[in-house]
Amino acid sequence: AQISDLTEKISMPLRISAIGIILLLCMPFSAYGIEIPIEFHGSLSAAEYLNSDSSRFNMDVSMDVYVTLVRHDDISLFVRYRDDLDMGEQHHGITLDPRYTHYYVAFGIDYFREQLLFSTYYMHDCVHLIDAEIDEAPVFNRFRISAADAHMHRSLRQRTKKRFLWSVELGVYPHIQYSGWDINAGADYEFDLTVNTAVTLWRTGNFGIDLNPIFQIAKGDTSWYHQDVVHANTYYVAKSGRIGLGISYHLWNNDPIKGPDKLWLLSLYGAF
């Protein structure tokens, strides 16, 4: 008991000192109108493919976290992490067989200008095969810029009442030889263009239905790759975000890493 009391007596001043140091560090920023909000947004989803052959495409699970670190007026600095896990099905009792996982790490800048949102960021991608004897993991880097309706931003999108949202995004994949190794090994992408739209079909109170077509075309060394998908979502909006059910159809997908062309996907998702 005496040791516990002594520990408590020591830890309390340390806590007070730590809080004081944090406040002192933040004071110069506040003097110049710089905020450190550490504001989190993100999403979770679990989706099942509705195709008859589920040996390759059976279920997808995804987690996406976006953090606003620093903000000054209409400009903010963010970091983002995303993890997509893809599962197939084995025919000897294993229905959720992890096949590969795709990691994304990004950091960049958002700039709000009236009703528009402009963003630029660097993203590092890494795709790992699971339970493979040889893991020739595609690793690539891209620089992206985008223009969008301001309500496309993660801090606004989940609770916006606007009926139509849009974004246009351009990505560039620099292939640079470093110590004899291409930093974008395993991916022959050169650049891509993505058009993302969201249309509210129906909404009453906290319930709604929206349509979210996404069209992407990417230039490879010798081919053009498409990832065109249409999402239809039902949702319930709460104070902190939304939850819902969605169904998706891959209109055209010939991506060399993952190509679920002409497949349907049923998903449960939450976003905040």
C-alpha atoms as a PDB file:
ATOM      1  CA  ALA A   1       0.000   0.000   0.000  1.00  0.00           C
ATOM      2  CA  GLN A   2       2.861   2.368   0.842  1.00  0.00           C
ATOM      3  CA  ILE A   3       4.513   1.654  -2.514  1.00  0.00           C
ATOM      4  CA  SER A   4       1.191   2.292  -4.278  1.00  0.00           C
ATOM      5  CA  ASP A   5       0.767   5.609  -2.443  1.00  0.00           C
ATOM      6  CA  LEU A   6       4.335   6.617  -3.312  1.00  0.00           C
ATOM      7  CA  THR A   7       3.801   5.748  -6.981  1.00  0.00           C
ATOM      8  CA  GLU A   8       0.632   7.810  -7.045  1.00  0.00           C
ATOM      9  CA  LYS A   9       2.419  10.776  -5.446  1.00  0.00           C
ATOM     10  CA  ILE A  10       5.190  10.604  -8.049  1.00  0.00           C
ATOM     11  CA  SER A  11       2.950  10.002 -11.073  1.00  0.00           C
ATOM     12  CA  MET A  12       0.626  12.932 -10.359  1.00  0.00           C
ATOM     13  CA  PRO A  13       3.346  15.623 -10.705  1.00  0.00           C
ATOM     14  CA  LEU A  14       4.604  13.872 -13.837  1.00  0.00           C
ATOM     15  CA  ARG A  15       1.134  14.017 -15.393  1.00  0.00           C
ATOM     16  CA  ILE A  16       0.777  17.697 -14.534  1.00  0.00           C
ATOM     17  CA  SER A  17       4.236  18.394 -15.978  1.00  0.00           C
ATOM     18  CA  ALA A  18       3.419  16.525 -19.194  1.00  0.00           C
ATOM     19  CA  ILE A  19       0.192  18.488 -19.660  1.00  0.00           C
ATOM     20  CA  GLY A  20       2.074  21.725 -19.003  1.00  0.00           C
ATOM     21  CA  ILE A  21       4.734  20.888 -21.587  1.00  0.00           C
ATOM     22  CA  ILE A  22       2.094  20.094 -24.212  1.00  0.00           C
ATOM     23  CA  LEU A  23       0.324  23.400 -23.547  1.00  0.00           C
ATOM     24  CA  LEU A  24       3.598  25.330 -23.788  1.00  0.00           C
ATOM     25  CA  LEU A  25       4.437  23.646 -27.088  1.00  0.00           C
ATOM     26  CA  CYS A  26       1.024  24.507 -28.504  1.00  0.00           C
ATOM     27  CA  MET A  27       1.071  28.180 -27.442  1.00  0.00           C
ATOM     28  CA  PRO A  28       3.339  29.411 -30.298  1.00  0.00           C
ATOM     29  CA  PHE A  29       1.086  27.702 -32.843  1.00  0.00           C
ATOM     30  CA  SER A  30      -2.096  29.243 -31.435  1.00  0.00           C
ATOM     31  CA  ALA A  31      -0.491  32.696 -31.564  1.00  0.00           C
ATOM     32  CA  TYR A  32      -0.249  32.348 -35.367  1.00  0.00           C
ATOM     33  CA  GLY A  33      -3.702  30.817 -35.798  1.00  0.00           C
ATOM     34  CA  ILE A  34      -2.327  27.299 -36.232  1.00  0.00           C
ATOM     35  CA  GLU A  35      -4.437  24.502 -34.764  1.00  0.00           C
ATOM     36  CA  ILE A  36      -3.408  20.948 -33.933  1.00  0.00           C
ATOM     37  CA  PRO A  37      -6.845  19.286 -33.986  1.00  0.00           C
ATOM     38  CA  ILE A  38      -5.772  15.602 -34.320  1.00  0.00           C
ATOM     39  CA  GLU A  39      -9.162  14.963 -35.943  1.00  0.00           C
ATOM     40  CA  PHE A  40      -9.982  11.381 -36.930  1.00  0.00           C
ATOM     41  CA  HIS A  41     -12.233  10.178 -39.747  1.00  0.00           C
ATOM     42  CA  GLY A  42     -12.459   6.782 -41.331  1.00  0.00           C
ATOM     43  CA  SER A  43     -14.459   3.775 -42.430  1.00  0.00           C
ATOM     44  CA  LEU A  44     -14.793   0.028 -41.946  1.00  0.00           C
ATOM     45  CA  SER A  45     -16.415  -2.412 -44.334  1.00  0.00           C
ATOM     46  CA  ALA A  46     -16.941  -6.133 -44.822  1.00  0.00           C
ATOM     47  CA  ALA A  47     -18.177  -7.273 -48.219  1.00  0.00           C
ATOM     48  CA  GLU A  48     -19.066 -10.612 -49.807  1.00  0.00           C
ATOM     49  CA  TYR A  49     -18.935 -11.387 -53.517  1.00  0.00           C
ATOM     50  CA  LEU A  50     -22.125 -12.832 -54.981  1.00  0.00           C
ATOM     51  CA  ASN A  51     -20.452 -14.782 -57.787  1.00  0.00           C
ATOM     52  CA  SER A  52     -20.814 -18.572 -58.018  1.00  0.00           C
ATOM     53  CA  ASP A  53     -17.053 -19.243 -58.098  1.00  0.00           C
ATOM     54  CA  SER A  54     -15.622 -17.874 -54.849  1.00  0.00           C
ATOM     55  CA  SER A  55     -12.211 -19.573 -55.018  1.00  0.00           C
ATOM     56  CA  ARG A  56     -10.509 -16.257 -55.857  1.00  0.00           C
ATOM     57  CA  PHE A  57     -13.012 -13.554 -54.854  1.00  0.00           C
ATOM     58  CA  ASN A  58     -15.016 -14.417 -51.752  1.00  0.00           C
ATOM     59  CA  MET A  59     -14.843 -11.561 -49.240  1.00  0.00           C
ATOM     60  CA  ASP A  60     -13.147  -8.167 -48.861  1.00  0.00           C
ATOM     61  CA  VAL A  61     -12.489  -6.425 -45.551  1.00  0.00           C
ATOM     62  CA  SER A  62     -11.261  -2.841 -45.499  1.00  0.00           C
ATOM     63  CA  MET A  63     -10.183  -0.269 -42.915  1.00  0.00           C
ATOM     64  CA  ASP A  64      -9.421   3.373 -43.735  1.00  0.00           C
ATOM     65  CA  VAL A  65      -8.218   6.020 -41.245  1.00  0.00           C
ATOM     66  CA  TYR A  66      -7.715   9.706 -42.071  1.00  0.00           C
ATOM     67  CA  VAL A  67      -6.233  12.137 -39.523  1.00  0.00           C
ATOM     68  CA  THR A  68      -6.090  15.924 -39.767  1.00  0.00           C
ATOM     69  CA  LEU A  69      -2.909  16.863 -37.920  1.00  0.00           C
ATOM     70  CA  VAL A  70      -2.459  20.608 -38.426  1.00  0.00           C
ATOM     71  CA  ARG A  71      -4.866  23.294 -39.634  1.00  0.00           C
ATOM     72  CA  HIS A  72      -4.380  26.963 -40.496  1.00  0.00           C
ATOM     73  CA  ASP A  73      -7.379  28.841 -41.876  1.00  0.00           C
ATOM     74  CA  ASP A  74      -8.454  26.868 -44.980  1.00  0.00           C
ATOM     75  CA  ILE A  75      -5.333  24.692 -45.228  1.00  0.00           C
ATOM     76  CA  SER A  76      -4.791  21.442 -43.351  1.00  0.00           C
ATOM     77  CA  LEU A  77      -2.136  18.749 -43.212  1.00  0.00           C
ATOM     78  CA  PHE A  78      -3.285  15.122 -43.071  1.00  0.00           C
ATOM     79  CA  VAL A  79      -2.062  11.536 -42.921  1.00  0.00           C
ATOM     80  CA  ARG A  80      -4.007   8.497 -44.083  1.00  0.00           C
ATOM     81  CA  TYR A  81      -3.710   4.737 -43.637  1.00  0.00           C
ATOM     82  CA  ARG A  82      -5.744   2.088 -45.432  1.00  0.00           C
ATOM     83  CA  ASP A  83      -5.634  -1.703 -45.346  1.00  0.00           C
ATOM     84  CA  ASP A  84      -7.571  -3.948 -47.754  1.00  0.00           C
ATOM     85  CA  LEU A  85      -7.670  -7.687 -47.027  1.00  0.00           C
ATOM     86  CA  ASP A  86      -8.921  -9.946 -49.830  1.00  0.00           C
ATOM     87  CA  MET A  87     -10.101 -13.486 -49.154  1.00  0.00           C
ATOM     88  CA  GLY A  88     -10.910 -16.435 -51.372  1.00  0.00           C
ATOM     89  CA  GLU A  89     -12.463 -19.774 -50.438  1.00  0.00           C
ATOM     90  CA  GLN A  90     -10.855 -23.174 -50.080  1.00  0.00           C
ATOM     91  CA  HIS A  91     -13.035 -26.220 -50.671  1.00  0.00           C
ATOM     92  CA  HIS A  92     -11.890 -28.223 -47.645  1.00  0.00           C
ATOM     93  CA  GLY A  93     -13.662 -26.256 -44.940  1.00  0.00           C
ATOM     94  CA  ILE A  94     -11.906 -22.886 -45.068  1.00  0.00           C
ATOM     95  CA  THR A  95     -14.357 -20.290 -46.344  1.00  0.00           C
ATOM     96  CA  LEU A  96     -12.304 -17.183 -45.484  1.00  0.00           C
ATOM     97  CA  ASP A  97      -8.873 -17.812 -46.964  1.00  0.00           C
ATOM     98  CA  PRO A  98      -6.679 -14.654 -46.945  1.00  0.00           C
ATOM     99  CA  ARG A  99      -5.083 -14.222 -50.367  1.00  0.00           C
ATOM    100  CA  TYR A 100      -3.411 -10.829 -50.250  1.00  0.00           C
ATOM    101  CA  THR A 101      -3.444  -7.528 -48.440  1.00  0.00           C
ATOM    102  CA  HIS A 102      -2.966  -4.044 -49.856  1.00  0.00           C
ATOM    103  CA  TYR A 103      -1.530  -1.348 -47.578  1.00  0.00           C
ATOM    104  CA  TYR A 104      -1.761   2.369 -48.326  1.00  0.00           C
ATOM    105  CA  VAL A 105       0.074   5.116 -46.427  1.00  0.00           C
ATOM    106  CA  ALA A 106      -0.375   8.739 -47.486  1.00  0.00           C
ATOM    107  CA  PHE A 107       0.271  12.263 -46.323  1.00  0.00           C
ATOM    108  CA  GLY A 108      -0.724  15.534 -47.946  1.00  0.00           C
ATOM    109  CA  ILE A 109      -2.486  18.879 -47.871  1.00  0.00           C
ATOM    110  CA  ASP A 110      -6.163  19.867 -48.179  1.00  0.00           C
ATOM    111  CA  TYR A 111      -7.116  23.384 -49.254  1.00  0.00           C
ATOM    112  CA  PHE A 112     -10.688  24.689 -49.058  1.00  0.00           C
ATOM    113  CA  ARG A 113     -11.570  27.482 -51.465  1.00  0.00           C
ATOM    114  CA  GLU A 114     -15.203  28.628 -51.192  1.00  0.00           C
ATOM    115  CA  GLN A 115     -17.241  25.550 -52.210  1.00  0.00           C
ATOM    116  CA  LEU A 116     -14.276  23.612 -53.588  1.00  0.00           C
ATOM    117  CA  LEU A 117     -11.681  21.294 -52.092  1.00  0.00           C
ATOM    118  CA  PHE A 118      -8.197  20.960 -53.580  1.00  0.00           C
ATOM    119  CA  SER A 119      -5.849  18.244 -52.357  1.00  0.00           C
ATOM    120  CA  THR A 120      -2.363  17.058 -53.111  1.00  0.00           C
ATOM    121  CA  TYR A 121      -0.679  14.104 -51.481  1.00  0.00           C
ATOM    122  CA  TYR A 122       1.954  11.395 -51.704  1.00  0.00           C
ATOM    123  CA  MET A 123       0.842   7.770 -51.339  1.00  0.00           C
ATOM    124  CA  HIS A 124       2.909   4.632 -50.839  1.00  0.00           C
ATOM    125  CA  ASP A 125       1.290   1.311 -51.804  1.00  0.00           C
ATOM    126  CA  CYS A 126       2.435  -2.171 -50.905  1.00  0.00           C
ATOM    127  CA  VAL A 127       0.652  -5.386 -51.906  1.00  0.00           C
ATOM    128  CA  HIS A 128       1.597  -8.634 -50.145  1.00  0.00           C
ATOM    129  CA  LEU A 129       0.598 -12.146 -51.096  1.00  0.00           C
ATOM    130  CA  ILE A 130      -0.365 -14.353 -48.161  1.00  0.00           C
ATOM    131  CA  ASP A 131       0.848 -17.955 -47.752  1.00  0.00           C
ATOM    132  CA  ALA A 132       2.829 -17.749 -50.982  1.00  0.00           C
ATOM    133  CA  GLU A 133       6.221 -19.401 -51.408  1.00  0.00           C
ATOM    134  CA  ILE A 134       7.558 -16.417 -53.344  1.00  0.00           C
ATOM    135  CA  ASP A 135       6.204 -13.028 -52.436  1.00  0.00           C
ATOM    136  CA  GLU A 136       7.087 -10.676 -55.278  1.00  0.00           C
ATOM    137  CA  ALA A 137       5.207  -7.828 -53.666  1.00  0.00           C
ATOM    138  CA  PRO A 138       4.185  -4.962 -55.941  1.00  0.00           C
ATOM    139  CA  VAL A 139       5.454  -1.793 -54.283  1.00  0.00           C
ATOM    140  CA  PHE A 140       4.728   1.570 -55.835  1.00  0.00           C
ATOM    141  CA  ASN A 141       4.539   5.267 -55.060  1.00  0.00           C
ATOM    142  CA  ARG A 142       2.245   7.893 -56.489  1.00  0.00           C
ATOM    143  CA  PHE A 143       1.682  11.605 -56.311  1.00  0.00           C
ATOM    144  CA  ARG A 144      -1.915  12.744 -56.604  1.00  0.00           C
ATOM    145  CA  ILE A 145      -3.819  15.993 -57.008  1.00  0.00           C
ATOM    146  CA  SER A 146      -7.586  16.398 -56.913  1.00  0.00           C
ATOM    147  CA  ALA A 147     -10.379  18.942 -57.185  1.00  0.00           C
ATOM    148  CA  ALA A 148     -13.752  18.239 -55.595  1.00  0.00           C
ATOM    149  CA  ASP A 149     -16.912  19.618 -54.102  1.00  0.00           C
ATOM    150  CA  ALA A 150     -15.978  20.756 -50.591  1.00  0.00           C
ATOM    151  CA  HIS A 151     -18.543  18.370 -49.094  1.00  0.00           C
ATOM    152  CA  MET A 152     -16.557  15.431 -50.480  1.00  0.00           C
ATOM    153  CA  HIS A 153     -14.153  15.973 -47.584  1.00  0.00           C
ATOM    154  CA  ARG A 154     -14.354  13.286 -44.913  1.00  0.00           C
ATOM    155  CA  SER A 155     -15.288  15.786 -42.211  1.00  0.00           C
ATOM    156  CA  LEU A 156     -18.424  16.812 -44.150  1.00  0.00           C
ATOM    157  CA  ARG A 157     -19.455  13.974 -46.446  1.00  0.00           C
ATOM    158  CA  GLN A 158     -21.129  11.661 -43.929  1.00  0.00           C
ATOM    159  CA  ARG A 159     -23.636  14.310 -42.810  1.00  0.00           C
ATOM    160  CA  THR A 160     -23.955  16.534 -45.871  1.00  0.00           C
ATOM    161  CA  LYS A 161     -27.418  17.313 -47.234  1.00  0.00           C
ATOM    162  CA  LYS A 162     -26.174  18.124 -50.737  1.00  0.00           C
ATOM    163  CA  ARG A 163     -27.704  15.829 -53.329  1.00  0.00           C
ATOM    164  CA  PHE A 164     -24.782  15.752 -55.774  1.00  0.00           C
ATOM    165  CA  LEU A 165     -21.055  15.535 -55.031  1.00  0.00           C
ATOM    166  CA  TRP A 166     -18.091  15.066 -57.328  1.00  0.00           C
ATOM    167  CA  SER A 167     -14.318  14.800 -57.459  1.00  0.00           C
ATOM    168  CA  VAL A 168     -11.689  14.531 -60.198  1.00  0.00           C
ATOM    169  CA  GLU A 169      -8.262  13.148 -59.357  1.00  0.00           C
ATOM    170  CA  LEU A 170      -5.007  12.704 -61.271  1.00  0.00           C
ATOM    171  CA  GLY A 171      -2.257  10.325 -60.155  1.00  0.00           C
ATOM    172  CA  VAL A 172       1.329  10.044 -61.392  1.00  0.00           C
ATOM    173  CA  TYR A 173       3.579   7.017 -60.726  1.00  0.00           C
ATOM    174  CA  PRO A 174       7.259   7.977 -61.116  1.00  0.00           C
ATOM    175  CA  HIS A 175       9.531   5.068 -62.073  1.00  0.00           C
ATOM    176  CA  ILE A 176      12.978   5.848 -60.702  1.00  0.00           C
ATOM    177  CA  GLN A 177      15.985   3.553 -60.624  1.00  0.00           C
ATOM    178  CA  TYR A 178      17.475   3.479 -57.143  1.00  0.00           C
ATOM    179  CA  SER A 179      20.478   1.204 -56.543  1.00  0.00           C
ATOM    180  CA  GLY A 180      19.471  -0.795 -59.607  1.00  0.00           C
ATOM    181  CA  TRP A 181      15.880  -1.289 -58.403  1.00  0.00           C
ATOM    182  CA  ASP A 182      12.771   0.398 -59.767  1.00  0.00           C
ATOM    183  CA  ILE A 183      10.951   2.010 -56.828  1.00  0.00           C
ATOM    184  CA  ASN A 184       7.692   1.034 -58.530  1.00  0.00           C
ATOM    185  CA  ALA A 185       8.629  -2.615 -59.027  1.00  0.00           C
ATOM    186  CA  GLY A 186       5.700  -4.892 -59.792  1.00  0.00           C
ATOM    187  CA  ALA A 187       3.451  -2.121 -61.096  1.00  0.00           C
ATOM    188  CA  ASP A 188       3.684  -0.673 -64.599  1.00  0.00           C
ATOM    189  CA  TYR A 189       1.267   2.209 -63.960  1.00  0.00           C
ATOM    190  CA  GLU A 190       2.359   5.573 -65.356  1.00  0.00           C
ATOM    191  CA  PHE A 191      -0.613   7.798 -64.553  1.00  0.00           C
ATOM    192  CA  ASP A 192      -4.338   7.525 -63.856  1.00  0.00           C
ATOM    193  CA  LEU A 193      -7.488   9.634 -63.887  1.00  0.00           C
ATOM    194  CA  THR A 194     -10.369   9.034 -61.458  1.00  0.00           C
ATOM    195  CA  VAL A 195     -13.860  10.552 -61.583  1.00  0.00           C
ATOM    196  CA  ASN A 196     -15.953  10.000 -58.447  1.00  0.00           C
ATOM    197  CA  THR A 197     -19.587  11.100 -58.081  1.00  0.00           C
ATOM    198  CA  ALA A 198     -22.230  10.650 -55.392  1.00  0.00           C
ATOM    199  CA  VAL A 199     -25.942  11.229 -56.006  1.00  0.00           C
ATOM    200  CA  THR A 200     -28.607  11.140 -53.291  1.00  0.00           C
ATOM    201  CA  LEU A 201     -31.589   9.255 -54.715  1.00  0.00           C
ATOM    202  CA  TRP A 202     -33.798   9.453 -51.619  1.00  0.00           C
ATOM    203  CA  ARG A 203     -33.536  10.771 -48.084  1.00  0.00           C
ATOM    204  CA  THR A 204     -35.958  11.243 -45.229  1.00  0.00           C
ATOM    205  CA  GLY A 205     -34.881  12.026 -41.705  1.00  0.00           C
ATOM    206  CA  ASN A 206     -31.765  10.009 -40.927  1.00  0.00           C
ATOM    207  CA  PHE A 207     -32.292   7.394 -43.651  1.00  0.00           C
ATOM    208  CA  GLY A 208     -31.238   7.591 -47.273  1.00  0.00           C
ATOM    209  CA  ILE A 209     -30.145   5.914 -50.502  1.00  0.00           C
ATOM    210  CA  ASP A 210     -27.340   7.130 -52.715  1.00  0.00           C
ATOM    211  CA  LEU A 211     -25.606   6.091 -55.918  1.00  0.00           C
ATOM    212  CA  ASN A 212     -21.819   6.318 -56.156  1.00  0.00           C
ATOM    213  CA  PRO A 213     -20.291   5.618 -59.610  1.00  0.00           C
ATOM    214  CA  ILE A 214     -16.469   5.666 -59.742  1.00  0.00           C
ATOM    215  CA  PHE A 215     -14.569   5.542 -63.031  1.00  0.00           C
ATOM    216  CA  GLN A 216     -10.795   5.148 -63.206  1.00  0.00           C
ATOM    217  CA  ILE A 217      -8.502   4.690 -66.177  1.00  0.00           C
ATOM    218  CA  ALA A 218      -4.771   4.073 -65.779  1.00  0.00           C
ATOM    219  CA  LYS A 219      -1.983   4.083 -68.373  1.00  0.00           C
ATOM    220  CA  GLY A 220       0.415   1.157 -68.165  1.00  0.00           C
ATOM    221  CA  ASP A 221       3.547   0.464 -70.180  1.00  0.00           C
ATOM    222  CA  THR A 222       1.627  -1.207 -72.994  1.00  0.00           C
ATOM    223  CA  SER A 223      -2.027  -1.262 -71.855  1.00  0.00           C
ATOM    224  CA  TRP A 224      -4.823   0.846 -70.440  1.00  0.00           C
ATOM    225  CA  TYR A 225      -6.395  -0.425 -67.224  1.00  0.00           C
ATOM    226  CA  HIS A 226      -9.953   0.271 -66.091  1.00  0.00           C
ATOM    227  CA  GLN A 227     -11.533   0.111 -62.650  1.00  0.00           C
ATOM    228  CA  ASP A 228     -15.150   1.166 -63.181  1.00  0.00           C
ATOM    229  CA  VAL A 229     -17.603   0.361 -60.396  1.00  0.00           C
ATOM    230  CA  VAL A 230     -21.067   1.532 -59.327  1.00  0.00           C
ATOM    231  CA  HIS A 231     -22.058   1.476 -55.639  1.00  0.00           C
ATOM    232  CA  ALA A 232     -25.670   1.733 -54.432  1.00  0.00           C
ATOM    233  CA  ASN A 233     -25.904   2.372 -50.682  1.00  0.00           C
ATOM    234  CA  THR A 234     -28.631   2.520 -48.083  1.00  0.00           C
ATOM    235  CA  TYR A 235     -27.638   4.231 -44.855  1.00  0.00           C
ATOM    236  CA  TYR A 236     -28.600   5.594 -41.466  1.00  0.00           C
ATOM    237  CA  VAL A 237     -26.980   8.870 -40.395  1.00  0.00           C
ATOM    238  CA  ALA A 238     -26.141   9.352 -36.726  1.00  0.00           C
ATOM    239  CA  LYS A 239     -24.450  12.234 -34.954  1.00  0.00           C
ATOM    240  CA  SER A 240     -20.973  10.778 -35.365  1.00  0.00           C
ATOM    241  CA  GLY A 241     -21.282   9.194 -38.823  1.00  0.00           C
ATOM    242  CA  ARG A 242     -23.279   6.652 -40.791  1.00  0.00           C
ATOM    243  CA  ILE A 243     -23.822   2.924 -41.109  1.00  0.00           C
ATOM    244  CA  GLY A 244     -25.418   1.057 -43.961  1.00  0.00           C
ATOM    245  CA  LEU A 245     -25.710  -1.718 -46.518  1.00  0.00           C
ATOM    246  CA  GLY A 246     -24.432  -1.434 -50.049  1.00  0.00           C
ATOM    247  CA  ILE A 247     -24.333  -3.374 -53.292  1.00  0.00           C
ATOM    248  CA  SER A 248     -21.682  -2.837 -55.948  1.00  0.00           C
ATOM    249  CA  TYR A 249     -21.172  -3.953 -59.536  1.00  0.00           C
ATOM    250  CA  HIS A 250     -17.800  -3.908 -61.287  1.00  0.00           C
ATOM    251  CA  LEU A 251     -18.685  -2.709 -64.779  1.00  0.00           C
ATOM    252  CA  TRP A 252     -15.154  -3.059 -66.120  1.00  0.00           C
ATOM    253  CA  ASN A 253     -12.034  -4.075 -64.250  1.00  0.00           C
ATOM    254  CA  ASN A 254      -8.892  -5.337 -65.962  1.00  0.00           C
ATOM    255  CA  ASP A 255      -6.441  -4.113 -63.322  1.00  0.00           C
ATOM    256  CA  PRO A 256      -3.359  -6.402 -63.269  1.00  0.00           C
ATOM    257  CA  ILE A 257      -3.234  -6.606 -59.452  1.00  0.00           C
ATOM    258  CA  LYS A 258      -6.925  -7.115 -58.710  1.00  0.00           C
ATOM    259  CA  GLY A 259      -9.580  -7.491 -61.391  1.00  0.00           C
ATOM    260  CA  PRO A 260     -13.052  -8.577 -60.170  1.00  0.00           C
ATOM    261  CA  ASP A 261     -14.590  -7.838 -63.570  1.00  0.00           C
ATOM    262  CA  LYS A 262     -18.400  -8.165 -63.875  1.00  0.00           C
ATOM    263  CA  LEU A 263     -18.781  -9.250 -60.224  1.00  0.00           C
ATOM    264  CA  TRP A 264     -21.380  -8.174 -57.646  1.00  0.00           C
ATOM    265  CA  LEU A 265     -20.464  -7.315 -54.069  1.00  0.00           C
ATOM    266  CA  LEU A 266     -22.731  -6.997 -50.996  1.00  0.00           C
ATOM    267  CA  SER A 267     -21.285  -4.952 -48.134  1.00  0.00           C
ATOM    268  CA  LEU A 268     -21.894  -3.750 -44.594  1.00  0.00           C
ATOM    269  CA  TYR A 269     -20.073  -0.522 -43.791  1.00  0.00           C
ATOM    270  CA  GLY A 270     -19.658   2.214 -41.240  1.00  0.00           C
ATOM    271  CA  ALA A 271     -18.064   5.641 -41.627  1.00  0.00           C
ATOM    272  CA  PHE A 272     -17.269   8.437 -39.219  1.00  0.00           C
END
